[in-house]
N, C-alpha and C. Protein backbone atom coordinates (compact mmCIF):
# COMPACT_ATOMS: atom_id res chain seq x y z
N UNK A 1 0.83 -1.19 0.00
CA UNK A 1 0.00 0.00 0.00
C UNK A 1 0.88 1.25 0.00
N UNK A 2 0.52 2.22 -0.80
CA UNK A 2 1.31 3.43 -0.94
C UNK A 2 1.18 4.33 0.29
N UNK A 3 2.27 5.02 0.57
CA UNK A 3 2.28 5.98 1.66
C UNK A 3 1.32 7.12 1.36
N UNK A 4 0.82 7.78 2.40
CA UNK A 4 -0.07 8.92 2.17
C UNK A 4 0.68 10.11 1.57
N UNK A 5 2.00 10.08 1.60
CA UNK A 5 2.81 11.15 1.01
C UNK A 5 3.02 10.98 -0.49
N UNK A 6 2.64 9.82 -1.03
CA UNK A 6 2.78 9.55 -2.46
C UNK A 6 1.53 10.05 -3.18
N UNK A 7 1.74 10.89 -4.20
CA UNK A 7 0.63 11.45 -4.97
C UNK A 7 0.32 10.48 -6.11
N UNK A 8 -0.95 10.32 -6.44
CA UNK A 8 -1.35 9.48 -7.57
C UNK A 8 -1.73 10.40 -8.72
N UNK A 9 -0.84 10.47 -9.73
CA UNK A 9 -1.05 11.37 -10.85
C UNK A 9 -2.00 10.76 -11.87
N UNK A 10 -2.75 11.62 -12.53
CA UNK A 10 -3.66 11.22 -13.61
C UNK A 10 -3.33 12.04 -14.85
N UNK A 11 -3.73 11.55 -16.01
CA UNK A 11 -3.52 12.30 -17.25
C UNK A 11 -4.10 13.71 -17.13
N UNK A 12 -5.27 13.81 -16.51
CA UNK A 12 -5.98 15.09 -16.43
C UNK A 12 -5.32 16.10 -15.49
N UNK A 13 -4.53 15.63 -14.52
CA UNK A 13 -3.91 16.53 -13.55
C UNK A 13 -2.41 16.68 -13.73
N UNK A 14 -1.85 15.95 -14.68
CA UNK A 14 -0.39 15.91 -14.85
C UNK A 14 0.20 17.30 -15.10
N UNK A 15 -0.44 18.07 -15.96
CA UNK A 15 0.05 19.40 -16.31
C UNK A 15 0.22 20.27 -15.06
N UNK A 16 -0.82 20.34 -14.23
CA UNK A 16 -0.77 21.22 -13.06
C UNK A 16 0.07 20.64 -11.92
N UNK A 17 -0.03 19.33 -11.70
CA UNK A 17 0.66 18.74 -10.55
C UNK A 17 2.14 18.46 -10.80
N UNK A 18 2.53 18.25 -12.06
CA UNK A 18 3.91 17.90 -12.34
C UNK A 18 4.62 19.01 -13.12
N UNK A 19 4.12 19.33 -14.29
CA UNK A 19 4.82 20.26 -15.17
C UNK A 19 4.84 21.69 -14.63
N UNK A 20 3.83 22.08 -13.86
CA UNK A 20 3.79 23.43 -13.31
C UNK A 20 4.16 23.48 -11.83
N UNK A 21 4.70 22.41 -11.31
CA UNK A 21 5.06 22.34 -9.90
C UNK A 21 6.27 23.22 -9.60
N UNK A 22 6.25 23.87 -8.44
CA UNK A 22 7.39 24.67 -7.99
C UNK A 22 8.50 23.77 -7.45
N UNK A 23 8.14 22.57 -7.04
CA UNK A 23 9.12 21.62 -6.51
C UNK A 23 9.56 20.65 -7.60
N UNK A 24 10.75 20.05 -7.45
CA UNK A 24 11.09 18.94 -8.33
C UNK A 24 10.07 17.82 -8.11
N UNK A 25 9.80 17.02 -9.15
CA UNK A 25 8.80 15.96 -9.06
C UNK A 25 9.39 14.66 -9.57
N UNK A 26 9.20 13.58 -8.81
CA UNK A 26 9.57 12.23 -9.23
C UNK A 26 8.28 11.50 -9.56
N UNK A 27 8.18 11.00 -10.80
CA UNK A 27 7.01 10.24 -11.21
C UNK A 27 7.43 8.80 -11.47
N UNK A 28 6.80 7.87 -10.77
CA UNK A 28 7.04 6.44 -10.92
C UNK A 28 5.95 5.88 -11.84
N UNK A 29 6.33 5.54 -13.07
CA UNK A 29 5.40 4.90 -14.00
C UNK A 29 5.42 3.41 -13.71
N UNK A 30 4.27 2.83 -13.38
CA UNK A 30 4.21 1.45 -12.88
C UNK A 30 2.91 0.78 -13.33
N UNK A 31 2.79 -0.51 -12.98
CA UNK A 31 1.56 -1.27 -13.21
C UNK A 31 1.43 -2.30 -12.09
N UNK A 32 0.19 -2.68 -11.80
CA UNK A 32 -0.10 -3.62 -10.71
C UNK A 32 0.57 -4.97 -10.93
N UNK A 33 0.63 -5.44 -12.17
CA UNK A 33 1.16 -6.76 -12.49
C UNK A 33 2.69 -6.81 -12.58
N UNK A 34 3.35 -5.68 -12.44
CA UNK A 34 4.80 -5.57 -12.65
C UNK A 34 5.58 -5.92 -11.37
N UNK A 35 6.34 -7.01 -11.42
CA UNK A 35 7.14 -7.45 -10.26
C UNK A 35 8.19 -6.44 -9.82
N UNK A 36 9.04 -5.93 -10.74
CA UNK A 36 10.03 -4.93 -10.35
C UNK A 36 9.39 -3.64 -9.79
N UNK A 37 8.19 -3.31 -10.29
CA UNK A 37 7.47 -2.14 -9.76
C UNK A 37 7.12 -2.35 -8.29
N UNK A 38 6.68 -3.56 -7.98
CA UNK A 38 6.35 -3.90 -6.59
C UNK A 38 7.60 -3.88 -5.72
N UNK A 39 8.75 -4.24 -6.31
CA UNK A 39 9.99 -4.28 -5.55
C UNK A 39 10.46 -2.88 -5.13
N UNK A 40 10.27 -1.88 -6.00
CA UNK A 40 10.75 -0.54 -5.63
C UNK A 40 9.67 0.31 -4.95
N UNK A 41 8.45 -0.18 -4.89
CA UNK A 41 7.36 0.58 -4.27
C UNK A 41 7.66 1.02 -2.83
N UNK A 42 8.21 0.15 -1.97
CA UNK A 42 8.52 0.59 -0.61
C UNK A 42 9.59 1.69 -0.58
N UNK A 43 10.52 1.64 -1.51
CA UNK A 43 11.57 2.66 -1.59
C UNK A 43 10.95 4.00 -1.98
N UNK A 44 10.06 3.99 -2.97
CA UNK A 44 9.39 5.21 -3.41
C UNK A 44 8.56 5.78 -2.25
N UNK A 45 7.85 4.93 -1.52
CA UNK A 45 7.06 5.38 -0.36
C UNK A 45 7.96 6.02 0.70
N UNK A 46 9.07 5.37 0.98
CA UNK A 46 10.01 5.87 1.98
C UNK A 46 10.58 7.23 1.57
N UNK A 47 10.95 7.37 0.29
CA UNK A 47 11.49 8.64 -0.21
C UNK A 47 10.44 9.74 -0.17
N UNK A 48 9.19 9.40 -0.42
CA UNK A 48 8.12 10.39 -0.39
C UNK A 48 7.98 10.99 1.02
N UNK A 49 8.13 10.15 2.02
CA UNK A 49 8.07 10.63 3.40
C UNK A 49 9.32 11.41 3.75
N UNK A 50 10.46 10.91 3.34
CA UNK A 50 11.75 11.53 3.65
C UNK A 50 11.90 12.91 3.00
N UNK A 51 11.42 13.08 1.78
CA UNK A 51 11.60 14.33 1.04
C UNK A 51 10.33 15.19 1.00
N UNK A 52 9.40 14.91 1.88
CA UNK A 52 8.13 15.65 1.92
C UNK A 52 8.41 17.15 2.07
N UNK A 53 7.79 17.95 1.20
CA UNK A 53 8.00 19.39 1.23
C UNK A 53 9.18 19.86 0.41
N UNK A 54 10.05 18.94 0.01
CA UNK A 54 11.23 19.29 -0.80
C UNK A 54 11.09 18.79 -2.23
N UNK A 55 10.48 17.61 -2.37
CA UNK A 55 10.26 16.98 -3.68
C UNK A 55 8.86 16.37 -3.66
N UNK A 56 8.12 16.54 -4.74
CA UNK A 56 6.82 15.89 -4.85
C UNK A 56 7.06 14.52 -5.49
N UNK A 57 6.61 13.47 -4.83
CA UNK A 57 6.83 12.11 -5.33
C UNK A 57 5.47 11.44 -5.54
N UNK A 58 5.32 10.86 -6.72
CA UNK A 58 4.05 10.23 -7.03
C UNK A 58 4.17 9.11 -8.03
N UNK A 59 3.03 8.47 -8.29
CA UNK A 59 2.98 7.31 -9.18
C UNK A 59 1.93 7.54 -10.25
N UNK A 60 2.15 6.88 -11.39
CA UNK A 60 1.16 6.90 -12.45
C UNK A 60 1.02 5.48 -12.98
N UNK A 61 -0.17 4.92 -12.86
CA UNK A 61 -0.47 3.57 -13.32
C UNK A 61 -0.63 3.59 -14.85
N UNK A 62 0.29 2.95 -15.56
CA UNK A 62 0.28 3.00 -17.03
C UNK A 62 -0.88 2.24 -17.65
N UNK A 63 -1.53 1.37 -16.90
CA UNK A 63 -2.70 0.66 -17.43
C UNK A 63 -3.95 1.54 -17.40
N UNK A 64 -4.03 2.44 -16.44
CA UNK A 64 -5.21 3.31 -16.32
C UNK A 64 -5.00 4.68 -16.93
N UNK A 65 -3.79 5.15 -16.97
CA UNK A 65 -3.46 6.46 -17.53
C UNK A 65 -2.47 6.22 -18.67
N UNK A 66 -2.89 6.42 -19.89
CA UNK A 66 -2.03 6.05 -21.02
C UNK A 66 -1.52 7.23 -21.83
N UNK A 67 -2.15 8.38 -21.75
CA UNK A 67 -1.75 9.53 -22.56
C UNK A 67 -0.36 10.04 -22.18
N UNK A 68 -0.15 10.32 -20.91
CA UNK A 68 1.14 10.85 -20.45
C UNK A 68 2.28 9.86 -20.67
N UNK A 69 2.11 8.58 -20.31
CA UNK A 69 3.20 7.64 -20.59
C UNK A 69 3.58 7.59 -22.08
N UNK A 70 2.59 7.70 -22.96
CA UNK A 70 2.90 7.72 -24.40
C UNK A 70 3.64 8.99 -24.78
N UNK A 71 3.23 10.12 -24.21
CA UNK A 71 3.90 11.40 -24.52
C UNK A 71 5.37 11.36 -24.14
N UNK A 72 5.70 10.69 -23.05
CA UNK A 72 7.08 10.64 -22.58
C UNK A 72 7.81 9.38 -23.02
N UNK A 73 7.21 8.59 -23.89
CA UNK A 73 7.87 7.42 -24.46
C UNK A 73 8.18 6.33 -23.46
N UNK A 74 7.30 6.12 -22.50
CA UNK A 74 7.52 5.07 -21.50
C UNK A 74 7.29 3.72 -22.18
N UNK A 75 8.36 2.92 -22.28
CA UNK A 75 8.28 1.62 -22.94
C UNK A 75 8.58 0.46 -21.99
N UNK A 76 9.23 0.80 -20.88
CA UNK A 76 9.56 -0.21 -19.87
C UNK A 76 9.11 0.32 -18.52
N UNK A 77 8.68 -0.59 -17.66
CA UNK A 77 8.34 -0.19 -16.31
C UNK A 77 9.07 -1.09 -15.33
N UNK A 78 9.43 -0.59 -14.18
CA UNK A 78 9.23 0.77 -13.74
C UNK A 78 10.17 1.75 -14.45
N UNK A 79 9.64 2.91 -14.77
CA UNK A 79 10.45 4.04 -15.24
C UNK A 79 10.15 5.20 -14.31
N UNK A 80 11.20 5.81 -13.82
CA UNK A 80 11.08 6.96 -12.93
C UNK A 80 11.60 8.17 -13.69
N UNK A 81 10.78 9.20 -13.81
CA UNK A 81 11.20 10.45 -14.43
C UNK A 81 11.26 11.52 -13.37
N UNK A 82 12.34 12.30 -13.39
CA UNK A 82 12.48 13.42 -12.46
C UNK A 82 12.26 14.70 -13.28
N UNK A 83 11.31 15.51 -12.85
CA UNK A 83 10.96 16.76 -13.52
C UNK A 83 11.40 17.93 -12.66
N UNK A 84 11.84 18.98 -13.33
CA UNK A 84 12.12 20.24 -12.66
C UNK A 84 11.85 21.35 -13.65
N UNK A 85 11.08 22.32 -13.25
CA UNK A 85 10.76 23.43 -14.13
C UNK A 85 9.99 22.99 -15.37
N UNK A 86 9.20 21.93 -15.24
CA UNK A 86 8.37 21.49 -16.35
C UNK A 86 9.05 20.62 -17.38
N UNK A 87 10.28 20.21 -17.11
CA UNK A 87 10.98 19.34 -18.06
C UNK A 87 11.66 18.18 -17.35
N UNK A 88 11.90 17.12 -18.11
CA UNK A 88 12.56 15.93 -17.56
C UNK A 88 14.04 16.23 -17.38
N UNK A 89 14.54 16.03 -16.17
CA UNK A 89 15.96 16.26 -15.91
C UNK A 89 16.72 14.95 -15.64
N UNK A 90 15.99 13.87 -15.40
CA UNK A 90 16.65 12.57 -15.21
C UNK A 90 15.64 11.45 -15.45
N UNK A 91 16.16 10.32 -15.92
CA UNK A 91 15.36 9.13 -16.19
C UNK A 91 16.04 7.93 -15.56
N UNK A 92 15.25 7.14 -14.84
CA UNK A 92 15.76 5.90 -14.24
C UNK A 92 14.84 4.79 -14.72
N UNK A 93 15.41 3.76 -15.33
CA UNK A 93 14.62 2.64 -15.83
C UNK A 93 15.00 1.38 -15.06
N UNK A 94 13.98 0.68 -14.57
CA UNK A 94 14.21 -0.58 -13.87
C UNK A 94 14.21 -0.41 -12.36
N UNK A 95 14.27 -1.54 -11.69
CA UNK A 95 14.32 -1.56 -10.22
C UNK A 95 15.75 -1.25 -9.80
N UNK A 96 15.95 -0.10 -9.20
CA UNK A 96 17.28 0.34 -8.80
C UNK A 96 17.30 0.56 -7.29
N UNK A 97 18.48 0.80 -6.76
CA UNK A 97 18.63 0.98 -5.32
C UNK A 97 18.10 2.35 -4.88
N UNK A 98 17.82 2.45 -3.60
CA UNK A 98 17.36 3.71 -3.02
C UNK A 98 18.40 4.80 -3.24
N UNK A 99 19.68 4.45 -3.11
CA UNK A 99 20.74 5.45 -3.26
C UNK A 99 20.78 6.04 -4.67
N UNK A 100 20.49 5.22 -5.67
CA UNK A 100 20.46 5.71 -7.06
C UNK A 100 19.34 6.73 -7.25
N UNK A 101 18.17 6.44 -6.70
CA UNK A 101 17.03 7.37 -6.81
C UNK A 101 17.32 8.64 -6.02
N UNK A 102 17.88 8.47 -4.82
CA UNK A 102 18.22 9.63 -3.98
C UNK A 102 19.23 10.53 -4.66
N UNK A 103 20.20 9.93 -5.31
CA UNK A 103 21.22 10.70 -6.03
C UNK A 103 20.56 11.58 -7.11
N UNK A 104 19.61 11.01 -7.81
CA UNK A 104 18.90 11.74 -8.84
C UNK A 104 18.07 12.88 -8.24
N UNK A 105 17.41 12.62 -7.11
CA UNK A 105 16.61 13.66 -6.46
C UNK A 105 17.49 14.80 -5.95
N UNK A 106 18.60 14.46 -5.34
CA UNK A 106 19.52 15.49 -4.82
C UNK A 106 20.08 16.34 -5.96
N UNK A 107 20.39 15.70 -7.07
CA UNK A 107 20.90 16.43 -8.22
C UNK A 107 19.85 17.44 -8.72
N UNK A 108 18.60 17.02 -8.76
CA UNK A 108 17.52 17.93 -9.20
C UNK A 108 17.30 19.05 -8.20
N UNK A 109 17.42 18.76 -6.91
CA UNK A 109 17.22 19.78 -5.89
C UNK A 109 18.35 20.80 -5.86
N UNK A 110 19.58 20.35 -6.11
CA UNK A 110 20.76 21.20 -5.97
C UNK A 110 21.21 21.87 -7.26
N UNK A 111 20.67 21.47 -8.36
CA UNK A 111 21.17 21.94 -9.64
C UNK A 111 20.91 23.42 -9.88
N UNK A 112 21.94 24.22 -9.78
CA UNK A 112 21.82 25.66 -10.03
C UNK A 112 21.59 25.92 -11.51
N UNK A 113 22.15 25.09 -12.36
CA UNK A 113 22.02 25.30 -13.80
C UNK A 113 20.58 25.19 -14.25
N UNK A 114 19.80 24.33 -13.59
CA UNK A 114 18.42 24.15 -13.98
C UNK A 114 17.54 25.31 -13.52
N UNK A 115 18.01 26.08 -12.55
CA UNK A 115 17.24 27.21 -12.06
C UNK A 115 17.42 28.45 -12.93
N UNK A 116 18.51 28.47 -13.71
CA UNK A 116 18.79 29.65 -14.51
C UNK A 116 18.37 29.42 -15.95
N UNK A 117 17.78 30.45 -16.58
CA UNK A 117 17.44 30.31 -17.99
C UNK A 117 18.69 30.28 -18.84
N UNK A 118 18.57 29.71 -20.03
CA UNK A 118 19.71 29.64 -20.94
C UNK A 118 20.13 31.06 -21.31
N UNK A 119 21.44 31.32 -21.25
CA UNK A 119 21.95 32.64 -21.63
C UNK A 119 21.89 32.78 -23.15
N UNK A 120 21.57 33.96 -23.59
CA UNK A 120 21.57 34.21 -25.03
C UNK A 120 22.53 35.35 -25.33
N UNK A 121 23.11 35.31 -26.50
CA UNK A 121 23.96 36.39 -26.95
C UNK A 121 23.06 37.50 -27.48
N UNK A 122 23.59 38.72 -27.55
CA UNK A 122 22.76 39.81 -28.08
C UNK A 122 22.33 39.51 -29.51
N UNK A 123 21.17 40.01 -29.85
CA UNK A 123 20.65 39.80 -31.20
C UNK A 123 21.54 40.51 -32.21
N UNK A 124 21.78 39.85 -33.33
CA UNK A 124 22.57 40.44 -34.42
C UNK A 124 21.71 40.44 -35.67
N UNK A 125 21.81 41.48 -36.48
CA UNK A 125 20.95 41.51 -37.67
C UNK A 125 21.37 40.47 -38.69
N UNK A 126 20.39 39.89 -39.39
CA UNK A 126 20.69 38.98 -40.48
C UNK A 126 20.80 39.78 -41.77
N UNK A 127 20.87 39.10 -42.90
CA UNK A 127 21.05 39.78 -44.18
C UNK A 127 19.93 40.77 -44.49
N UNK A 128 18.73 40.48 -44.02
CA UNK A 128 17.59 41.35 -44.28
C UNK A 128 17.42 42.45 -43.24
N UNK A 129 18.35 42.57 -42.30
CA UNK A 129 18.28 43.59 -41.27
C UNK A 129 17.44 43.20 -40.07
N UNK A 130 16.86 41.98 -40.08
CA UNK A 130 16.06 41.52 -38.95
C UNK A 130 16.99 40.95 -37.87
N UNK A 131 16.56 41.05 -36.62
CA UNK A 131 17.37 40.54 -35.52
C UNK A 131 17.33 39.03 -35.47
N UNK A 132 18.47 38.41 -35.21
CA UNK A 132 18.56 36.96 -35.04
C UNK A 132 18.98 36.67 -33.60
N UNK A 133 18.49 35.60 -33.04
CA UNK A 133 18.89 35.19 -31.70
C UNK A 133 19.95 34.10 -31.81
N UNK A 134 21.01 34.25 -31.04
CA UNK A 134 22.03 33.22 -30.95
C UNK A 134 22.03 32.70 -29.52
N UNK A 135 22.23 31.44 -29.36
CA UNK A 135 22.36 30.87 -28.02
C UNK A 135 23.74 30.26 -27.89
N UNK A 136 24.05 29.79 -26.72
CA UNK A 136 25.33 29.14 -26.48
C UNK A 136 25.24 27.66 -26.77
N UNK A 137 24.40 27.27 -27.70
CA UNK A 137 24.19 25.88 -28.03
C UNK A 137 24.87 25.56 -29.35
N UNK A 138 25.57 24.42 -29.38
CA UNK A 138 26.26 23.99 -30.59
C UNK A 138 25.67 22.64 -31.01
N UNK A 139 25.35 22.51 -32.28
CA UNK A 139 24.80 21.27 -32.81
C UNK A 139 25.77 20.73 -33.85
N UNK A 140 26.17 19.47 -33.66
CA UNK A 140 27.08 18.82 -34.60
C UNK A 140 26.41 17.57 -35.13
N UNK A 141 26.54 17.33 -36.42
CA UNK A 141 25.96 16.13 -37.01
C UNK A 141 27.04 15.43 -37.82
N UNK A 142 27.18 14.14 -37.60
CA UNK A 142 28.12 13.37 -38.40
C UNK A 142 27.37 12.22 -39.05
N UNK A 143 27.72 11.94 -40.28
CA UNK A 143 27.10 10.83 -41.00
C UNK A 143 28.20 9.92 -41.49
N UNK A 144 28.44 8.87 -40.74
CA UNK A 144 29.48 7.93 -41.13
C UNK A 144 28.99 7.01 -42.25
N UNK A 145 27.70 6.85 -42.36
CA UNK A 145 27.11 6.09 -43.45
C UNK A 145 25.67 6.56 -43.61
N UNK A 146 25.02 6.23 -44.70
CA UNK A 146 23.63 6.68 -44.88
C UNK A 146 22.67 6.17 -43.81
N UNK A 147 22.99 5.04 -43.19
CA UNK A 147 22.09 4.46 -42.19
C UNK A 147 22.40 4.92 -40.77
N UNK A 148 23.58 5.50 -40.55
CA UNK A 148 23.98 5.88 -39.20
C UNK A 148 24.29 7.37 -39.15
N UNK A 149 23.49 8.09 -38.38
CA UNK A 149 23.70 9.51 -38.20
C UNK A 149 23.84 9.77 -36.71
N UNK A 150 24.70 10.68 -36.38
CA UNK A 150 24.91 11.03 -34.99
C UNK A 150 24.75 12.54 -34.85
N UNK A 151 23.87 12.96 -33.96
CA UNK A 151 23.68 14.37 -33.70
C UNK A 151 24.06 14.63 -32.25
N UNK A 152 24.95 15.59 -32.05
CA UNK A 152 25.40 15.94 -30.70
C UNK A 152 25.03 17.40 -30.47
N UNK A 153 24.30 17.65 -29.38
CA UNK A 153 23.92 19.00 -29.01
C UNK A 153 24.62 19.31 -27.69
N UNK A 154 25.41 20.36 -27.68
CA UNK A 154 26.14 20.72 -26.47
C UNK A 154 25.95 22.21 -26.20
N UNK A 155 26.00 22.55 -24.93
CA UNK A 155 25.95 23.96 -24.52
C UNK A 155 27.37 24.40 -24.24
N UNK A 156 27.79 25.50 -24.85
CA UNK A 156 29.10 26.05 -24.57
C UNK A 156 29.12 26.55 -23.13
N UNK A 157 30.28 26.50 -22.48
CA UNK A 157 30.34 27.03 -21.12
C UNK A 157 30.08 28.53 -21.12
N UNK A 158 29.49 29.06 -20.04
CA UNK A 158 29.18 30.49 -19.99
C UNK A 158 30.42 31.34 -20.01
């Protein structure tokens, strides 16, 4: 049985309870028939009590709520997604140790980079005199063969 500190998310409430939350949010995508899901359930309950008021921790049953799991490409359960500022900042797939989940939560709570918006360079005019926005993001694409493409997106240091 889930702790009273564990929130049960629904497709209809996901936007307000997770994406617009002021706190980091851990969502455990699970199902009743899933053995590994049952194995990590006590850990998720324990963390919900331990991090109450610091992190919102909840579960979403993929058999009853299917829209959100499809939107986030959940293909294996248990999958734990950590959200901060309305975006996924970490993904954990499978039954893992409490320390692994805690590490992910602490990283989301302490991450100064996630609290700051991406820096942009001043706008520079393009050929038509319109302003262009540049960011500190670099995109590299390599094609070693027609079937294999690699795209690397990196942020330059500030």
